[in-house]
Amino acid sequence: MTLVIVSVFILLILAVPIGAAFALSAFLGAKMNGLPLDTFASLPYQTINSFLLLSIPFFILTGQIMNQGKLIGRLIEIAEMFLFWLKGMLGYVTILASAFIGAITGSSVATVAAISSIIGNRMVDKGYKRGYVAALMGSCGLLGVLIPPSIPLIVYGAAVGASISDLFLATLLPGILMVFAFSIVHFLLLKRVLNHPEGEQGSGETPVFKQSKRIAFVLSIPVLLMPVIVLGGIYGGIFTPTEAAAVACVYGLVLALAGKTMKMRELSGVFYKAALTSISILCIIAFTSVFNNFMILEQVPQMLTGAIQNITDNKIMFLIIVNLILFLVGMFMETNAAVLLMAPLLYPAAMQFGMDPIHFGIMLVTNIELGLITPPMAANLFVAAKTNNSSLVEMMPYVACFFAAAVIILGMITFMPGLSLWFK
């Protein structure tokens, strides 16, 4: 098993595609242990031949439609209209808009790319330091996962058989707490990162301003209803998560075409981009299943459970050990691949220690998501740096502040199960 695990990391370092790296390592392990390779032949197809996983391409397509159709821009406009009186307004707008976009796309990296392209340069023009702007955008991408719907939570639910609807409900309160935590960090850093505070002062509640605010709000109502329709439909028992994702696609498409913010000829590009992203995620899920199946055949989860229980029988120590393991894995692996790898491995041990599957899922996904702002992988930071013309050196002092806030929220999620299980 040591050789198999090492081979995974070597292949990833050599830039072998993630799914292929896991599948090849599984084949190596199977050959060494005398397992017939045809045991794994149909696994990739069986894994992704799932009605539940169909929600992933639909949510990704929804995000592409919202972005290409400039519907996300409307959300940002209405946030600016109502937060104009706040000093450092654009930072709070970024945080809230990231939460809204997360409630539409379910993707962290997609949230960073969308927000950066719309509001990043405006923040720099208003006097914000470029490194801080990129750090804020990258960190706020975490809200794309914590605010439901969440693609990694769908992946976790499919991997261990947990209820997706319950997972979405469970992450609402932690997501709101993360919004407040990031807002506090922005407030505390404001004097250091905003060179010309007067550049963001509002124009006051003049009659013209009031009228423009009312117009902007009316135009934004259909877009604001998107999360209500998706989440309300799921929690109200009207839609399954997959059906809700399909409804969101159609609703977003109607808004974009009816509002003439997107033309019919642009649809092919939107579908193409969504297909590429969906294929990459589903390929990871498909081929990681080969690796997971190999570990199950070799009883690795049982061995890991026994090893942890030999170290400690204290639940607090177990939670600390698991969080450290998850954090290290998140630093070096793509998010969905890390969830697929660690969920089946650690789930049996978590159940032995009496954890709720929903609580464990929120803790696991939140922890692994921290890897998106933690080098060397840090996909959010690389996207934010590129779209905001910044460097990691400029960003890291500010990223550290947001990371500290996220760790505090992670600690609360870990040791206060009621935050995740508030609806039970």
Protein backbone atom coordinates (compact mmCIF):
# COMPACT_ATOMS: atom_id res chain seq x y z
CA MET A 1 0.00 0.00 0.00
CA THR A 2 2.89 2.35 0.69
CA LEU A 3 4.15 1.87 -2.86
CA VAL A 4 0.66 2.46 -4.25
CA ILE A 5 0.18 5.69 -2.26
CA VAL A 6 3.66 6.93 -3.24
CA SER A 7 2.93 6.17 -6.89
CA VAL A 8 -0.17 8.38 -6.74
CA PHE A 9 1.84 11.37 -5.57
CA ILE A 10 4.66 10.73 -8.05
CA LEU A 11 2.19 10.62 -10.94
CA LEU A 12 0.47 13.80 -9.72
CA ILE A 13 3.84 15.58 -9.47
CA LEU A 14 4.58 14.46 -13.05
CA ALA A 15 1.33 16.21 -14.09
CA VAL A 16 -0.46 12.99 -15.04
CA PRO A 17 -4.23 13.73 -15.12
CA ILE A 18 -5.74 13.14 -11.68
CA GLY A 19 -8.13 10.37 -12.70
CA ALA A 20 -5.42 8.52 -14.63
CA ALA A 21 -2.98 8.81 -11.70
CA PHE A 22 -5.42 7.11 -9.33
CA ALA A 23 -6.45 4.43 -11.83
CA LEU A 24 -2.85 3.54 -12.78
CA SER A 25 -1.85 3.31 -9.12
CA ALA A 26 -4.82 1.03 -8.46
CA PHE A 27 -3.81 -1.19 -11.40
CA LEU A 28 -0.27 -1.35 -10.00
CA GLY A 29 -1.60 -2.40 -6.59
CA ALA A 30 -3.95 -4.96 -8.12
CA LYS A 31 -1.13 -6.49 -10.17
CA MET A 32 1.14 -6.70 -7.11
CA ASN A 33 -1.60 -8.38 -5.08
CA GLY A 34 -2.70 -10.78 -7.79
CA LEU A 35 -6.12 -9.22 -8.33
CA PRO A 36 -7.58 -9.62 -11.85
CA LEU A 37 -7.73 -6.27 -13.63
CA ASP A 38 -11.12 -7.05 -15.16
CA THR A 39 -12.49 -6.65 -11.63
CA PHE A 40 -12.29 -2.88 -12.21
CA ALA A 41 -13.35 -2.80 -15.88
CA SER A 42 -16.92 -1.56 -15.42
CA LEU A 43 -16.38 0.50 -12.26
CA PRO A 44 -15.86 3.93 -13.88
CA TYR A 45 -19.09 3.61 -15.87
CA GLN A 46 -21.07 2.26 -12.92
CA THR A 47 -19.85 5.12 -10.73
CA ILE A 48 -20.90 8.00 -12.96
CA ASN A 49 -24.06 6.27 -14.24
CA SER A 50 -25.88 8.03 -11.42
CA PHE A 51 -28.93 10.29 -11.46
CA LEU A 52 -27.50 12.14 -8.45
CA LEU A 53 -24.19 12.98 -10.17
CA LEU A 54 -26.11 14.39 -13.11
CA SER A 55 -26.68 17.46 -10.94
CA ILE A 56 -22.99 18.39 -11.27
CA PRO A 57 -23.00 19.30 -15.01
CA PHE A 58 -26.35 21.05 -14.56
CA PHE A 59 -25.07 23.27 -11.73
CA ILE A 60 -21.91 24.02 -13.71
CA LEU A 61 -24.00 24.95 -16.77
CA THR A 62 -26.15 27.21 -14.58
CA GLY A 63 -23.05 29.07 -13.44
CA GLN A 64 -21.84 29.51 -17.03
CA ILE A 65 -25.23 30.85 -18.10
CA MET A 66 -25.36 33.29 -15.17
CA ASN A 67 -21.86 34.53 -15.93
CA GLN A 68 -22.17 34.78 -19.72
CA GLY A 69 -25.64 36.30 -19.42
CA LYS A 70 -24.32 39.03 -17.09
CA LEU A 71 -26.87 38.00 -14.46
CA ILE A 72 -24.17 37.87 -11.80
CA GLY A 73 -23.45 41.53 -12.51
CA ARG A 74 -27.01 42.37 -11.49
CA LEU A 75 -26.48 40.75 -8.10
CA ILE A 76 -23.40 42.87 -7.57
CA GLU A 77 -25.20 46.04 -8.64
CA ILE A 78 -28.01 45.55 -6.13
CA ALA A 79 -25.49 44.78 -3.38
CA GLU A 80 -23.67 48.03 -4.15
CA MET A 81 -26.92 49.99 -4.13
CA PHE A 82 -27.83 48.84 -0.63
CA LEU A 83 -24.32 48.91 0.88
CA PHE A 84 -23.22 52.27 -0.56
CA TRP A 85 -23.10 53.83 2.92
CA LEU A 86 -20.49 51.38 4.25
CA LYS A 87 -16.83 52.33 4.31
CA GLY A 88 -15.01 49.67 2.31
CA MET A 89 -18.28 48.84 0.57
CA LEU A 90 -16.76 46.92 -2.36
CA GLY A 91 -15.13 44.40 -0.03
CA TYR A 92 -18.46 43.58 1.63
CA VAL A 93 -20.08 43.42 -1.81
CA THR A 94 -17.45 40.87 -2.89
CA ILE A 95 -18.14 38.68 0.15
CA LEU A 96 -21.92 38.76 -0.24
CA ALA A 97 -21.76 38.32 -4.02
CA SER A 98 -19.49 35.29 -3.58
CA ALA A 99 -22.07 33.75 -1.27
CA PHE A 100 -24.84 34.37 -3.82
CA ILE A 101 -22.78 32.99 -6.69
CA GLY A 102 -21.92 29.96 -4.55
CA ALA A 103 -25.65 29.41 -4.12
CA ILE A 104 -25.92 29.21 -7.91
CA THR A 105 -22.78 27.48 -9.19
CA GLY A 106 -21.68 25.28 -6.27
CA SER A 107 -18.07 25.68 -7.39
CA SER A 108 -15.29 27.49 -5.55
CA VAL A 109 -12.98 28.18 -8.49
CA ALA A 110 -15.91 29.28 -10.68
CA THR A 111 -16.93 31.75 -7.97
CA VAL A 112 -13.42 33.26 -7.88
CA ALA A 113 -13.25 33.60 -11.66
CA ALA A 114 -16.69 35.22 -11.92
CA ILE A 115 -16.18 37.73 -9.09
CA SER A 116 -12.64 38.66 -10.17
CA SER A 117 -13.67 39.39 -13.73
CA ILE A 118 -16.53 41.67 -12.64
CA ILE A 119 -15.34 43.55 -9.56
CA GLY A 120 -11.57 43.07 -9.23
CA ASN A 121 -10.39 46.03 -11.35
CA ARG A 122 -13.03 48.30 -9.83
CA MET A 123 -11.62 47.65 -6.35
CA VAL A 124 -8.11 48.50 -7.53
CA ASP A 125 -9.40 51.69 -9.16
CA LYS A 126 -11.06 52.65 -5.87
CA GLY A 127 -7.73 52.49 -4.06
CA TYR A 128 -7.49 48.92 -2.77
CA LYS A 129 -4.08 47.25 -2.85
CA ARG A 130 -3.96 44.77 -5.70
CA GLY A 131 -2.58 41.98 -3.51
CA TYR A 132 -5.47 42.39 -1.08
CA VAL A 133 -8.05 42.36 -3.87
CA ALA A 134 -6.69 39.06 -5.19
CA ALA A 135 -6.48 37.60 -1.66
CA LEU A 136 -10.07 38.60 -0.92
CA MET A 137 -11.36 37.12 -4.18
CA GLY A 138 -9.47 33.86 -3.67
CA SER A 139 -10.56 33.48 -0.05
CA CYS A 140 -14.20 34.29 -0.77
CA GLY A 141 -14.21 31.43 -3.25
CA LEU A 142 -14.53 29.13 -0.24
CA LEU A 143 -18.09 30.39 0.10
CA GLY A 144 -18.82 28.74 -3.25
CA VAL A 145 -18.66 25.41 -1.44
CA LEU A 146 -20.06 26.30 1.98
CA ILE A 147 -23.18 27.97 0.60
CA PRO A 148 -25.38 25.25 -0.95
CA PRO A 149 -25.60 23.79 -3.51
CA SER A 150 -22.04 22.45 -3.32
CA ILE A 151 -20.41 20.12 -5.82
CA PRO A 152 -17.94 18.60 -3.28
CA LEU A 153 -20.88 17.89 -0.94
CA ILE A 154 -22.68 16.12 -3.80
CA VAL A 155 -19.51 14.08 -4.37
CA TYR A 156 -19.30 13.25 -0.64
CA GLY A 157 -22.96 12.24 -0.49
CA ALA A 158 -22.56 9.98 -3.50
CA ALA A 159 -19.39 8.41 -2.02
CA VAL A 160 -20.84 7.47 1.39
CA GLY A 161 -24.58 7.42 0.71
CA ALA A 162 -25.48 10.51 2.75
CA SER A 163 -28.56 12.61 1.99
CA ILE A 164 -27.69 15.51 -0.33
CA SER A 165 -30.66 17.55 0.88
CA ASP A 166 -29.51 17.15 4.50
CA LEU A 167 -25.94 18.09 3.54
CA PHE A 168 -27.19 21.26 1.84
CA LEU A 169 -29.25 22.18 4.90
CA ALA A 170 -26.34 21.42 7.23
CA THR A 171 -23.96 23.81 5.49
CA LEU A 172 -26.26 26.85 5.60
CA LEU A 173 -25.32 27.99 9.12
CA PRO A 174 -21.56 27.34 8.73
CA GLY A 175 -21.70 29.24 5.43
CA ILE A 176 -23.36 32.26 7.04
CA LEU A 177 -20.77 32.18 9.84
CA MET A 178 -17.97 32.19 7.25
CA VAL A 179 -19.55 35.25 5.60
CA PHE A 180 -19.53 37.08 8.96
CA ALA A 181 -15.95 35.96 9.71
CA PHE A 182 -14.64 37.25 6.36
CA SER A 183 -16.57 40.52 6.84
CA ILE A 184 -14.85 41.02 10.20
CA VAL A 185 -11.43 40.39 8.61
CA HIS A 186 -12.22 42.92 5.88
CA PHE A 187 -13.28 45.49 8.49
CA LEU A 188 -10.08 44.99 10.52
CA LEU A 189 -7.79 45.22 7.48
CA LEU A 190 -9.54 48.15 5.82
CA LYS A 191 -7.17 50.92 6.99
CA ARG A 192 -4.17 48.95 5.75
CA VAL A 193 -5.50 48.02 2.34
CA LEU A 194 -7.58 50.99 1.18
CA ASN A 195 -5.33 53.83 0.10
CA HIS A 196 -8.06 56.37 -0.69
CA PRO A 197 -11.11 55.77 1.51
CA GLU A 198 -12.85 58.84 0.07
CA GLY A 199 -13.03 57.03 -3.27
CA GLU A 200 -15.80 54.78 -1.93
CA GLN A 201 -18.08 57.28 -0.26
CA GLY A 202 -21.70 57.04 -1.39
CA SER A 203 -23.55 59.88 -3.04
CA GLY A 204 -26.28 59.93 -0.43
CA GLU A 205 -29.99 59.14 -0.64
CA THR A 206 -30.84 61.71 -3.30
CA PRO A 207 -34.14 61.33 -5.20
CA VAL A 208 -32.26 60.18 -8.31
CA PHE A 209 -30.30 57.66 -6.25
CA LYS A 210 -33.49 56.34 -4.63
CA GLN A 211 -35.13 55.93 -8.01
CA SER A 212 -32.11 54.14 -9.52
CA LYS A 213 -32.00 51.86 -6.47
CA ARG A 214 -35.65 50.92 -6.93
CA ILE A 215 -35.10 50.22 -10.63
CA ALA A 216 -32.02 48.10 -9.92
CA PHE A 217 -33.89 46.14 -7.27
CA VAL A 218 -36.85 45.43 -9.55
CA LEU A 219 -34.53 44.25 -12.34
CA SER A 220 -32.67 42.03 -9.89
CA ILE A 221 -35.71 40.29 -8.39
CA PRO A 222 -35.77 37.44 -10.97
CA VAL A 223 -32.05 36.76 -10.36
CA LEU A 224 -32.47 36.90 -6.57
CA LEU A 225 -35.21 34.27 -6.88
CA MET A 226 -32.78 31.73 -8.36
CA PRO A 227 -31.41 30.42 -5.00
CA VAL A 228 -34.92 30.53 -3.55
CA ILE A 229 -36.27 28.34 -6.36
CA VAL A 230 -33.35 25.89 -6.21
CA LEU A 231 -33.04 25.49 -2.44
CA GLY A 232 -36.74 25.99 -1.72
CA GLY A 233 -37.61 23.33 -4.26
CA ILE A 234 -35.15 20.86 -2.71
CA TYR A 235 -36.12 21.47 0.91
CA GLY A 236 -39.82 21.67 0.07
CA GLY A 237 -39.70 18.21 -1.46
CA ILE A 238 -40.68 19.55 -4.91
CA PHE A 239 -37.37 18.72 -6.63
CA THR A 240 -34.54 16.30 -6.12
CA PRO A 241 -31.12 18.03 -6.22
CA THR A 242 -30.67 16.90 -9.84
CA GLU A 243 -34.10 18.16 -10.88
CA ALA A 244 -33.42 21.46 -9.06
CA ALA A 245 -30.18 21.85 -11.02
CA ALA A 246 -32.02 21.27 -14.30
CA VAL A 247 -34.71 23.79 -13.33
CA ALA A 248 -31.99 26.32 -12.47
CA CYS A 249 -30.46 25.86 -15.95
CA VAL A 250 -33.75 26.48 -17.72
CA TYR A 251 -34.64 29.41 -15.46
CA GLY A 252 -31.26 31.07 -15.95
CA LEU A 253 -31.43 30.52 -19.71
CA VAL A 254 -34.88 32.12 -19.90
CA LEU A 255 -33.70 35.14 -17.87
CA ALA A 256 -30.59 35.63 -20.01
CA LEU A 257 -32.39 35.30 -23.36
CA ALA A 258 -35.53 37.20 -22.37
CA GLY A 259 -33.45 40.01 -20.88
CA LYS A 260 -31.30 40.08 -24.04
CA THR A 261 -28.09 39.84 -22.00
CA MET A 262 -27.07 36.74 -23.96
CA LYS A 263 -27.58 35.90 -27.62
CA MET A 264 -28.54 32.52 -29.04
CA ARG A 265 -25.25 32.28 -30.93
CA GLU A 266 -23.37 32.42 -27.60
CA LEU A 267 -25.06 29.26 -26.31
CA SER A 268 -22.65 26.90 -28.05
CA GLY A 269 -19.71 28.50 -26.24
CA VAL A 270 -21.54 28.36 -22.90
CA PHE A 271 -22.37 24.66 -23.32
CA TYR A 272 -18.82 23.92 -24.50
CA LYS A 273 -17.21 25.51 -21.42
CA ALA A 274 -19.66 23.79 -19.09
CA ALA A 275 -19.03 20.45 -20.80
CA LEU A 276 -15.24 20.73 -20.42
CA THR A 277 -15.50 21.50 -16.70
CA SER A 278 -18.07 18.74 -16.16
CA ILE A 279 -15.99 16.18 -18.03
CA SER A 280 -12.91 16.92 -15.92
CA ILE A 281 -14.84 16.48 -12.66
CA LEU A 282 -16.71 13.35 -13.77
CA CYS A 283 -13.49 11.76 -15.07
CA ILE A 284 -11.92 12.29 -11.65
CA ILE A 285 -14.96 10.70 -9.99
CA ALA A 286 -15.01 7.78 -12.44
CA PHE A 287 -11.37 6.80 -12.22
CA THR A 288 -10.91 7.56 -8.54
CA SER A 289 -13.58 4.90 -7.95
CA VAL A 290 -11.08 2.30 -9.23
CA PHE A 291 -8.59 3.37 -6.58
CA ASN A 292 -11.24 3.44 -3.85
CA ASN A 293 -12.45 -0.03 -4.82
CA PHE A 294 -8.91 -1.37 -4.64
CA MET A 295 -8.50 0.05 -1.13
CA ILE A 296 -11.80 -1.50 -0.05
CA LEU A 297 -10.72 -4.91 -1.42
CA GLU A 298 -7.47 -4.55 0.54
CA GLN A 299 -9.47 -3.51 3.66
CA VAL A 300 -7.54 -0.26 3.99
CA PRO A 301 -10.43 1.64 5.66
CA GLN A 302 -10.66 -1.03 8.34
CA MET A 303 -6.90 -0.96 8.88
CA LEU A 304 -6.94 2.85 9.13
CA THR A 305 -9.80 2.72 11.63
CA GLY A 306 -7.88 0.21 13.72
CA ALA A 307 -4.69 2.28 13.54
CA ILE A 308 -6.48 5.43 14.75
CA GLN A 309 -8.19 3.54 17.55
CA ASN A 310 -4.80 2.17 18.62
CA ILE A 311 -3.51 5.74 18.83
CA THR A 312 -6.46 7.10 20.79
CA ASP A 313 -9.98 6.24 21.90
CA ASN A 314 -10.72 9.88 22.68
CA LYS A 315 -13.14 11.53 20.24
CA ILE A 316 -11.49 14.97 20.61
CA MET A 317 -8.09 13.56 19.70
CA PHE A 318 -9.66 11.66 16.80
CA LEU A 319 -11.14 14.89 15.44
CA ILE A 320 -7.79 16.68 15.73
CA ILE A 321 -5.94 13.83 13.97
CA VAL A 322 -8.52 13.64 11.17
CA ASN A 323 -8.43 17.40 10.63
CA LEU A 324 -4.64 17.35 10.33
CA ILE A 325 -4.80 14.49 7.82
CA LEU A 326 -7.49 16.23 5.78
CA PHE A 327 -5.61 19.52 5.80
CA LEU A 328 -2.43 17.90 4.47
CA VAL A 329 -4.33 16.03 1.77
CA GLY A 330 -6.19 19.22 0.76
CA MET A 331 -2.87 21.03 0.32
CA PHE A 332 -1.68 18.58 -2.33
CA MET A 333 -4.80 17.28 -4.09
CA GLU A 334 -7.67 18.59 -6.18
CA THR A 335 -10.77 19.07 -4.02
CA ASN A 336 -13.14 16.52 -5.54
CA ALA A 337 -10.39 13.91 -5.80
CA ALA A 338 -9.47 14.50 -2.15
CA VAL A 339 -13.10 14.12 -1.07
CA LEU A 340 -13.42 10.90 -3.07
CA LEU A 341 -10.20 9.54 -1.59
CA MET A 342 -10.67 10.48 2.06
CA ALA A 343 -14.42 10.07 2.55
CA PRO A 344 -14.50 6.27 2.09
CA LEU A 345 -11.25 5.92 4.04
CA LEU A 346 -12.22 7.92 7.12
CA TYR A 347 -15.99 7.39 7.13
CA PRO A 348 -15.88 3.99 8.92
CA ALA A 349 -13.61 5.42 11.65
CA ALA A 350 -15.90 8.43 12.08
CA MET A 351 -18.89 6.13 12.54
CA GLN A 352 -16.93 4.08 15.11
CA PHE A 353 -16.42 7.28 17.10
CA GLY A 354 -20.12 8.04 16.97
CA MET A 355 -20.07 10.94 14.51
CA ASP A 356 -23.12 11.88 12.48
CA PRO A 357 -22.51 11.29 8.72
CA ILE A 358 -23.80 14.80 7.92
CA HIS A 359 -21.59 16.50 10.52
CA PHE A 360 -18.58 14.50 9.32
CA GLY A 361 -19.27 15.48 5.71
CA ILE A 362 -19.42 19.21 6.47
CA MET A 363 -16.20 19.00 8.49
CA LEU A 364 -14.41 16.98 5.81
CA VAL A 365 -15.40 19.20 2.87
CA THR A 366 -14.72 22.46 4.76
CA ASN A 367 -11.26 21.24 5.76
CA ILE A 368 -10.28 20.01 2.31
CA GLU A 369 -11.54 23.28 0.82
CA LEU A 370 -8.90 25.15 2.82
CA GLY A 371 -6.40 23.60 0.44
CA LEU A 372 -7.77 25.95 -2.24
CA ILE A 373 -6.06 28.86 -0.46
CA THR A 374 -3.07 26.89 0.87
CA PRO A 375 0.00 26.35 -1.37
CA PRO A 376 1.29 24.37 -3.16
CA MET A 377 -2.02 23.54 -4.94
CA ALA A 378 -4.12 26.60 -3.93
CA ALA A 379 -6.26 26.71 -7.08
CA ASN A 380 -8.27 29.69 -5.84
CA LEU A 381 -5.15 31.77 -5.28
CA PHE A 382 -3.72 31.00 -8.72
CA VAL A 383 -7.00 31.94 -10.42
CA ALA A 384 -7.33 35.12 -8.32
CA ALA A 385 -3.71 36.09 -8.97
CA LYS A 386 -4.07 35.64 -12.72
CA THR A 387 -7.40 37.46 -13.08
CA ASN A 388 -6.29 40.35 -10.85
CA ASN A 389 -2.71 40.67 -12.19
CA SER A 390 -1.24 40.06 -8.77
CA SER A 391 1.43 37.77 -7.34
CA LEU A 392 1.31 35.23 -4.54
CA VAL A 393 3.94 37.23 -2.63
CA GLU A 394 1.61 40.26 -2.57
CA MET A 395 -1.37 38.13 -1.60
CA MET A 396 -0.05 35.85 1.15
CA PRO A 397 -0.04 38.29 4.14
CA TYR A 398 -3.74 38.97 3.54
CA VAL A 399 -4.59 35.37 2.68
CA ALA A 400 -3.16 34.39 6.07
CA CYS A 401 -5.78 36.56 7.81
CA PHE A 402 -8.68 35.02 5.91
CA PHE A 403 -7.18 31.57 6.42
CA ALA A 404 -7.07 32.14 10.19
CA ALA A 405 -10.76 33.15 10.15
CA ALA A 406 -11.63 30.04 8.12
CA VAL A 407 -9.72 27.80 10.58
CA ILE A 408 -11.71 29.29 13.47
CA ILE A 409 -14.97 28.48 11.67
CA LEU A 410 -13.63 24.98 10.90
CA GLY A 411 -12.89 24.52 14.63
CA MET A 412 -16.45 25.56 15.46
CA ILE A 413 -17.85 23.14 12.87
CA THR A 414 -15.66 20.33 14.21
CA PHE A 415 -16.31 20.69 17.93
CA MET A 416 -19.85 22.13 17.83
CA PRO A 417 -21.91 19.55 15.89
CA GLY A 418 -25.05 21.60 16.47
CA LEU A 419 -23.87 24.10 13.86
CA SER A 420 -24.17 21.44 11.18
CA LEU A 421 -27.10 19.55 12.69
CA TRP A 422 -29.22 22.58 13.57
CA PHE A 423 -32.16 21.31 11.50
CA LYS A 424 -32.41 17.95 13.31
